[in-house]
C-alpha atoms as a PDB file:
ATOM      1  CA  MET A   1      -4.622 -18.456 -11.157  1.00  0.00           C
ATOM      2  CA  LEU A   2      -3.811 -21.568 -10.135  1.00  0.00           C
ATOM      3  CA  PRO A   3      -3.823 -24.191 -13.073  1.00  0.00           C
ATOM      4  CA  VAL A   4      -5.609 -27.396 -12.321  1.00  0.00           C
ATOM      5  CA  ARG A   5      -6.168 -30.332 -14.897  1.00  0.00           C
ATOM      6  CA  ALA A   6      -7.678 -33.554 -14.428  1.00  0.00           C
ATOM      7  CA  ALA A   7      -5.305 -36.110 -12.689  1.00  0.00           C
ATOM      8  CA  ILE A   8      -4.546 -39.792 -13.333  1.00  0.00           C
ATOM      9  CA  PRO A   9      -5.475 -41.702 -10.188  1.00  0.00           C
ATOM     10  CA  SER A  10      -2.825 -43.104  -8.127  1.00  0.00           C
ATOM     11  CA  ALA A  11      -3.410 -46.323  -5.967  1.00  0.00           C
ATOM     12  CA  THR A  12      -1.076 -44.528  -3.404  1.00  0.00           C
ATOM     13  CA  SER A  13      -2.982 -41.293  -2.759  1.00  0.00           C
ATOM     14  CA  LYS A  14      -6.267 -40.437  -1.733  1.00  0.00           C
ATOM     15  CA  GLY A  15      -6.674 -37.486  -4.324  1.00  0.00           C
ATOM     16  CA  TYR A  16      -9.291 -34.641  -4.294  1.00  0.00           C
ATOM     17  CA  ARG A  17     -12.503 -34.740  -6.628  1.00  0.00           C
ATOM     18  CA  LEU A  18     -14.092 -31.484  -7.555  1.00  0.00           C
ATOM     19  CA  GLU A  19     -17.111 -31.186  -9.290  1.00  0.00           C
ATOM     20  CA  PHE A  20     -17.088 -28.330 -11.692  1.00  0.00           C
ATOM     21  CA  SER A  21     -20.208 -28.737 -13.203  1.00  0.00           C
ATOM     22  CA  LYS A  22     -21.847 -28.043 -10.054  1.00  0.00           C
ATOM     23  CA  LEU A  23     -20.822 -24.870  -9.606  1.00  0.00           C
ATOM     24  CA  ALA A  24     -23.248 -21.860 -10.088  1.00  0.00           C
ATOM     25  CA  GLY A  25     -22.809 -20.085 -13.364  1.00  0.00           C
ATOM     26  CA  SER A  26     -21.139 -16.948 -11.898  1.00  0.00           C
ATOM     27  CA  GLU A  27     -18.198 -19.169 -10.513  1.00  0.00           C
ATOM     28  CA  LEU A  28     -17.358 -21.158 -13.780  1.00  0.00           C
ATOM     29  CA  ARG A  29     -16.987 -19.349 -16.917  1.00  0.00           C
ATOM     30  CA  HIS A  30     -15.416 -20.426 -20.311  1.00  0.00           C
ATOM     31  CA  ALA A  31     -13.037 -18.027 -21.953  1.00  0.00           C
ATOM     32  CA  PRO A  32     -10.613 -18.276 -25.022  1.00  0.00           C
ATOM     33  CA  ASP A  33      -8.029 -19.329 -22.901  1.00  0.00           C
ATOM     34  CA  GLY A  34      -9.507 -22.143 -21.093  1.00  0.00           C
ATOM     35  CA  TRP A  35     -12.185 -22.236 -17.775  1.00  0.00           C
ATOM     36  CA  HIS A  36     -12.189 -20.022 -15.171  1.00  0.00           C
ATOM     37  CA  ALA A  37     -13.568 -21.087 -11.528  1.00  0.00           C
ATOM     38  CA  ILE A  38     -13.886 -19.519  -8.479  1.00  0.00           C
ATOM     39  CA  VAL A  39     -13.999 -22.202  -5.666  1.00  0.00           C
ATOM     40  CA  LEU A  40     -15.208 -21.181  -2.024  1.00  0.00           C
ATOM     41  CA  LEU A  41     -13.166 -23.334   0.364  1.00  0.00           C
ATOM     42  CA  GLY A  42     -11.980 -22.723   3.918  1.00  0.00           C
ATOM     43  CA  GLY A  43     -13.734 -19.303   4.049  1.00  0.00           C
ATOM     44  CA  ALA A  44     -11.591 -18.192   1.143  1.00  0.00           C
ATOM     45  CA  LYS A  45     -12.063 -17.951  -2.931  1.00  0.00           C
ATOM     46  CA  HIS A  46      -9.496 -19.981  -4.762  1.00  0.00           C
ATOM     47  CA  ARG A  47      -9.374 -18.838  -8.197  1.00  0.00           C
ATOM     48  CA  LEU A  48      -8.569 -21.867 -10.672  1.00  0.00           C
ATOM     49  CA  TRP A  49      -7.641 -21.637 -14.340  1.00  0.00           C
ATOM     50  CA  LEU A  50      -8.494 -24.860 -16.443  1.00  0.00           C
ATOM     51  CA  ARG A  51      -7.486 -25.581 -20.114  1.00  0.00           C
ATOM     52  CA  GLU A  52     -10.377 -28.182 -20.295  1.00  0.00           C
ATOM     53  CA  LEU A  53     -13.042 -28.892 -18.019  1.00  0.00           C
ATOM     54  CA  PRO A  54     -12.360 -32.198 -16.692  1.00  0.00           C
ATOM     55  CA  PRO A  55     -15.384 -34.755 -16.472  1.00  0.00           C
ATOM     56  CA  ASN A  56     -17.527 -34.994 -13.415  1.00  0.00           C
ATOM     57  CA  CYS A  57     -16.031 -36.189 -10.146  1.00  0.00           C
ATOM     58  CA  SER A  58     -12.862 -36.383 -11.429  1.00  0.00           C
ATOM     59  CA  LEU A  59      -9.255 -36.183  -9.505  1.00  0.00           C
ATOM     60  CA  VAL A  60      -7.744 -33.095  -9.857  1.00  0.00           C
ATOM     61  CA  ALA A  61      -4.041 -32.036 -10.075  1.00  0.00           C
ATOM     62  CA  VAL A  62      -2.300 -28.517  -9.889  1.00  0.00           C
ATOM     63  CA  ASP A  63       0.293 -27.652 -12.537  1.00  0.00           C
ATOM     64  CA  LEU A  64       3.291 -25.780 -10.966  1.00  0.00           C
ATOM     65  CA  PRO A  65       5.688 -24.727 -13.781  1.00  0.00           C
ATOM     66  CA  LEU A  66       9.089 -23.978 -13.109  1.00  0.00           C
ATOM     67  CA  ASP A  67       9.484 -20.407 -13.610  1.00  0.00           C
ATOM     68  CA  GLY A  68       9.650 -16.875 -11.731  1.00  0.00           C
ATOM     69  CA  ASP A  69       6.380 -17.185  -9.975  1.00  0.00           C
ATOM     70  CA  PHE A  70       6.935 -20.712  -8.838  1.00  0.00           C
ATOM     71  CA  ASP A  71       7.213 -19.802  -5.402  1.00  0.00           C
ATOM     72  CA  ILE A  72       4.081 -17.954  -4.962  1.00  0.00           C
ATOM     73  CA  ARG A  73       2.117 -20.751  -6.940  1.00  0.00           C
ATOM     74  CA  LEU A  74       3.520 -22.982  -4.795  1.00  0.00           C
ATOM     75  CA  GLN A  75       1.972 -21.160  -1.822  1.00  0.00           C
ATOM     76  CA  VAL A  76      -0.832 -20.527  -3.421  1.00  0.00           C
ATOM     77  CA  ALA A  77      -1.083 -24.269  -4.343  1.00  0.00           C
ATOM     78  CA  HIS A  78      -0.404 -25.109  -0.558  1.00  0.00           C
ATOM     79  CA  ARG A  79      -3.265 -22.792   0.728  1.00  0.00           C
ATOM     80  CA  PHE A  80      -5.812 -24.544  -1.740  1.00  0.00           C
ATOM     81  CA  TRP A  81      -4.712 -28.078  -0.387  1.00  0.00           C
ATOM     82  CA  CYS A  82      -5.269 -26.692   3.033  1.00  0.00           C
ATOM     83  CA  ALA A  83      -8.595 -25.532   2.224  1.00  0.00           C
ATOM     84  CA  LEU A  84      -9.418 -29.148   0.929  1.00  0.00           C
ATOM     85  CA  GLU A  85      -7.887 -30.953   3.891  1.00  0.00           C
ATOM     86  CA  GLN A  86     -10.282 -28.241   6.119  1.00  0.00           C
ATOM     87  CA  ARG A  87      -6.666 -26.790   7.756  1.00  0.00           C
ATOM     88  CA  PRO A  88      -6.077 -23.229   8.581  1.00  0.00           C
ATOM     89  CA  LEU A  89      -4.970 -21.554   5.593  1.00  0.00           C
ATOM     90  CA  GLY A  90      -2.960 -18.983   7.166  1.00  0.00           C
ATOM     91  CA  ARG A  91      -1.926 -15.829   5.043  1.00  0.00           C
ATOM     92  CA  LEU A  92      -2.295 -14.867   1.554  1.00  0.00           C
ATOM     93  CA  PRO A  93       1.206 -15.440   0.069  1.00  0.00           C
ATOM     94  CA  LEU A  94       1.464 -11.781  -1.379  1.00  0.00           C
ATOM     95  CA  ASP A  95      -0.092 -10.367   1.898  1.00  0.00           C
ATOM     96  CA  PRO A  96       2.339  -7.876   2.981  1.00  0.00           C
ATOM     97  CA  SER A  97       2.994  -7.839   6.862  1.00  0.00           C
ATOM     98  CA  ILE A  98       1.607  -5.340   8.862  1.00  0.00           C
ATOM     99  CA  GLN A  99       5.102  -3.582   9.017  1.00  0.00           C
ATOM    100  CA  ALA A 100       5.630  -3.662   5.427  1.00  0.00           C
ATOM    101  CA  ARG A 101       2.166  -2.361   4.980  1.00  0.00           C
ATOM    102  CA  ARG A 102       2.731   0.481   7.330  1.00  0.00           C
ATOM    103  CA  ARG A 103       6.076   1.236   5.598  1.00  0.00           C
ATOM    104  CA  LEU A 104       4.557   1.311   1.997  1.00  0.00           C
ATOM    105  CA  ILE A 105       1.982   3.730   3.420  1.00  0.00           C
ATOM    106  CA  LEU A 106       4.355   6.060   4.735  1.00  0.00           C
ATOM    107  CA  ALA A 107       6.314   6.329   1.493  1.00  0.00           C
ATOM    108  CA  LEU A 108       3.434   6.996  -0.453  1.00  0.00           C
ATOM    109  CA  ARG A 109       2.438   9.769   2.183  1.00  0.00           C
ATOM    110  CA  ALA A 110       6.076  11.173   2.295  1.00  0.00           C
ATOM    111  CA  VAL A 111       6.420  11.213  -1.582  1.00  0.00           C
ATOM    112  CA  ASP A 112       2.619  13.200  -1.654  1.00  0.00           C
ATOM    113  CA  GLY A 113       4.443  15.700   0.602  1.00  0.00           C
ATOM    114  CA  TRP A 114       7.591  16.061  -1.415  1.00  0.00           C
ATOM    115  CA  LEU A 115       5.487  16.444  -4.448  1.00  0.00           C
ATOM    116  CA  GLU A 116       3.347  19.075  -2.855  1.00  0.00           C
ATOM    117  CA  GLY A 117       7.043  20.865  -2.459  1.00  0.00           C
ATOM    118  CA  ASN A 118       6.950  20.590   1.374  1.00  0.00           C
ATOM    119  CA  SER A 119      10.818  20.261   3.065  1.00  0.00           C
ATOM    120  CA  TYR A 120      11.865  17.160   4.776  1.00  0.00           C
ATOM    121  CA  ARG A 121      11.438  18.500   8.181  1.00  0.00           C
ATOM    122  CA  LYS A 122       7.470  19.401   6.992  1.00  0.00           C
ATOM    123  CA  ILE A 123       7.037  16.003   5.702  1.00  0.00           C
ATOM    124  CA  ALA A 124       8.690  14.534   8.987  1.00  0.00           C
ATOM    125  CA  GLU A 125       6.362  16.724  11.439  1.00  0.00           C
ATOM    126  CA  GLY A 126       3.288  15.593   9.251  1.00  0.00           C
ATOM    127  CA  LEU A 127       4.109  12.007   9.636  1.00  0.00           C
ATOM    128  CA  PHE A 128       5.573  11.992  12.907  1.00  0.00           C
ATOM    129  CA  GLY A 129       4.571  14.931  14.904  1.00  0.00           C
ATOM    130  CA  LYS A 130       6.441  18.238  15.423  1.00  0.00           C
ATOM    131  CA  SER A 131       7.669  16.702  18.736  1.00  0.00           C
ATOM    132  CA  ARG A 132       9.961  14.444  17.230  1.00  0.00           C
ATOM    133  CA  ILE A 133      11.670  16.901  15.266  1.00  0.00           C
ATOM    134  CA  PRO A 134      14.484  18.532  16.842  1.00  0.00           C
ATOM    135  CA  ASP A 135      15.209  22.149  16.839  1.00  0.00           C
ATOM    136  CA  ARG A 136      18.835  21.888  16.110  1.00  0.00           C
ATOM    137  CA  GLY A 137      20.688  18.949  14.406  1.00  0.00           C
ATOM    138  CA  TRP A 138      18.053  18.261  11.856  1.00  0.00           C
ATOM    139  CA  LYS A 139      20.544  17.732   9.145  1.00  0.00           C
ATOM    140  CA  THR A 140      22.221  14.788  10.773  1.00  0.00           C
ATOM    141  CA  HIS A 141      19.066  13.208  12.647  1.00  0.00           C
ATOM    142  CA  ASP A 142      18.397   9.945  11.980  1.00  0.00           C
ATOM    143  CA  LEU A 143      14.594  10.968  10.952  1.00  0.00           C
ATOM    144  CA  ARG A 144      15.584  13.152   8.374  1.00  0.00           C
ATOM    145  CA  SER A 145      17.482  10.368   6.806  1.00  0.00           C
ATOM    146  CA  ARG A 146      14.480   7.966   7.132  1.00  0.00           C
ATOM    147  CA  ILE A 147      12.286  10.640   5.470  1.00  0.00           C
ATOM    148  CA  ILE A 148      14.596  10.833   2.784  1.00  0.00           C
ATOM    149  CA  ARG A 149      14.552   6.826   1.922  1.00  0.00           C
ATOM    150  CA  LEU A 150      10.741   7.141   2.207  1.00  0.00           C
ATOM    151  CA  VAL A 151      10.915   9.903  -0.433  1.00  0.00           C
ATOM    152  CA  LYS A 152      12.820   7.761  -2.732  1.00  0.00           C
ATOM    153  CA  THR A 153      10.916   4.826  -2.057  1.00  0.00           C
ATOM    154  CA  GLY A 154       7.464   6.530  -2.829  1.00  0.00           C
ATOM    155  CA  LEU A 155       9.286   8.387  -5.816  1.00  0.00           C
ATOM    156  CA  ARG A 156      10.076   4.696  -7.014  1.00  0.00           C
ATOM    157  CA  LEU A 157       6.458   3.175  -6.731  1.00  0.00           C
ATOM    158  CA  VAL A 158       4.998   6.101  -8.194  1.00  0.00           C
ATOM    159  CA  ARG A 159       7.210   6.930 -11.176  1.00  0.00           C
ATOM    160  CA  GLY A 160       9.337   3.657 -12.432  1.00  0.00           C
ATOM    161  CA  GLY A 161       6.665   1.244 -12.251  1.00  0.00           C
ATOM    162  CA  GLY A 162       7.700   0.228  -8.620  1.00  0.00           C
ATOM    163  CA  TYR A 163       4.023   0.076  -7.792  1.00  0.00           C
ATOM    164  CA  ARG A 164       4.315  -3.476  -9.016  1.00  0.00           C
ATOM    165  CA  ALA A 165       6.398  -4.235  -6.007  1.00  0.00           C
ATOM    166  CA  LEU A 166       3.538  -3.938  -3.832  1.00  0.00           C
ATOM    167  CA  LEU A 167       2.095  -7.324  -5.593  1.00  0.00           C
ATOM    168  CA  ARG A 168       5.604  -8.970  -5.359  1.00  0.00           C
ATOM    169  CA  ARG A 169       7.741 -10.156  -2.176  1.00  0.00           C
ATOM    170  CA  LYS A 170      10.584  -7.819  -1.509  1.00  0.00           C
ATOM    171  CA  SER A 171      13.925  -9.284  -2.834  1.00  0.00           C
ATOM    172  CA  LYS A 172      16.726  -9.483  -0.658  1.00  0.00           C
ATOM    173  CA  ASP A 173      19.081  -7.203  -2.564  1.00  0.00           C
ATOM    174  CA  LYS A 174      16.496  -4.213  -2.535  1.00  0.00           C
ATOM    175  CA  ASP A 175      16.994  -1.147  -0.611  1.00  0.00           C
ATOM    176  CA  ASP A 176      15.034  -1.275   2.696  1.00  0.00           C
ATOM    177  CA  VAL A 177      11.842   0.677   2.572  1.00  0.00           C
ATOM    178  CA  SER A 178      12.243   2.088   6.139  1.00  0.00           C
END
């Protein structure tokens, strides 16, 4: 949710006016904490939160608290601004790359195999095919190390609340998922 409020008009900026009263009932609702709006702009749904409903055709501003989620809110605000400007929106801020998505899928599949009692070798065969597994030297093979890392990552996701990592960007000091 992007926090939005009525803005004070400025002579130097053109500003943006939104008419929340003209949104359909399913796109604007009142809740105990304020107003929640879903605005369709630029082919995307933008979820906005307003403490108070601004007057019709008033300028709007985005509030960006300086907290742990500032960087994500900034990206969401930029995406909303791009929609208002009719510019390309780009990727969603929390949308993982294709590579990261594949690594997370492999980690979850690997931990499923491990929890079913399969060996690392069997998991590797299931994920990458028997042709990639050497007959000899499995204990020192790089694929074995990768499977162990995938199982550990999958266990973190399943057991320790690490599933929340799916919703956040990866910090630089965390272990690699591969």
